[in-house]
Protein backbone atom coordinates (compact mmCIF):
# COMPACT_ATOMS: atom_id res chain seq x y z
CA UNK A 1 17.86 -39.36 10.19
CA UNK A 2 18.98 -36.61 7.83
CA UNK A 3 15.56 -36.68 6.12
CA UNK A 4 13.86 -35.81 9.42
CA UNK A 5 16.47 -33.13 10.08
CA UNK A 6 15.82 -31.56 6.67
CA UNK A 7 12.07 -31.55 7.30
CA UNK A 8 12.56 -29.90 10.68
CA UNK A 9 14.81 -27.26 9.10
CA UNK A 10 12.12 -26.61 6.51
CA UNK A 11 9.47 -26.19 9.19
CA UNK A 12 11.79 -23.95 11.21
CA UNK A 13 12.40 -21.78 8.15
CA UNK A 14 8.67 -21.51 7.51
CA UNK A 15 8.06 -20.60 11.17
CA UNK A 16 10.72 -17.89 11.18
CA UNK A 17 9.41 -16.49 7.90
CA UNK A 18 5.88 -16.31 9.29
CA UNK A 19 7.22 -14.58 12.41
CA UNK A 20 8.99 -12.06 10.19
CA UNK A 21 5.74 -11.59 8.24
CA UNK A 22 3.74 -11.02 11.43
CA UNK A 23 6.33 -8.53 12.66
CA UNK A 24 6.11 -6.63 9.36
CA UNK A 25 2.31 -6.71 9.52
CA UNK A 26 2.37 -5.42 13.10
CA UNK A 27 4.75 -2.62 12.15
CA UNK A 28 2.48 -1.66 9.24
CA UNK A 29 -0.57 -1.74 11.50
CA UNK A 30 1.17 0.41 14.11
CA UNK A 31 2.28 2.91 11.49
CA UNK A 32 -1.14 3.07 9.87
CA UNK A 33 -3.28 3.34 13.01
CA UNK A 34 -1.21 4.56 15.95
CA UNK A 35 1.15 7.05 14.34
CA UNK A 36 -1.52 9.65 13.49
CA UNK A 37 -2.50 9.72 17.16
CA UNK A 38 1.13 10.24 18.17
CA UNK A 39 1.42 12.91 15.51
CA UNK A 40 -1.62 14.72 16.90
CA UNK A 41 -0.15 14.52 20.39
CA UNK A 42 3.10 16.00 19.12
CA UNK A 43 1.31 18.77 17.24
CA UNK A 44 -0.69 19.73 20.33
């Protein structure tokens, strides 16, 4: 029983870490590609 629970916790941890990674990647993408457009809009 506890073996299964430990495996599930491990998978949960991996899933949350990958979510965090995707969020970071998305933030980087947004900063790299959408911010210059916003900056241009602000400058105009």
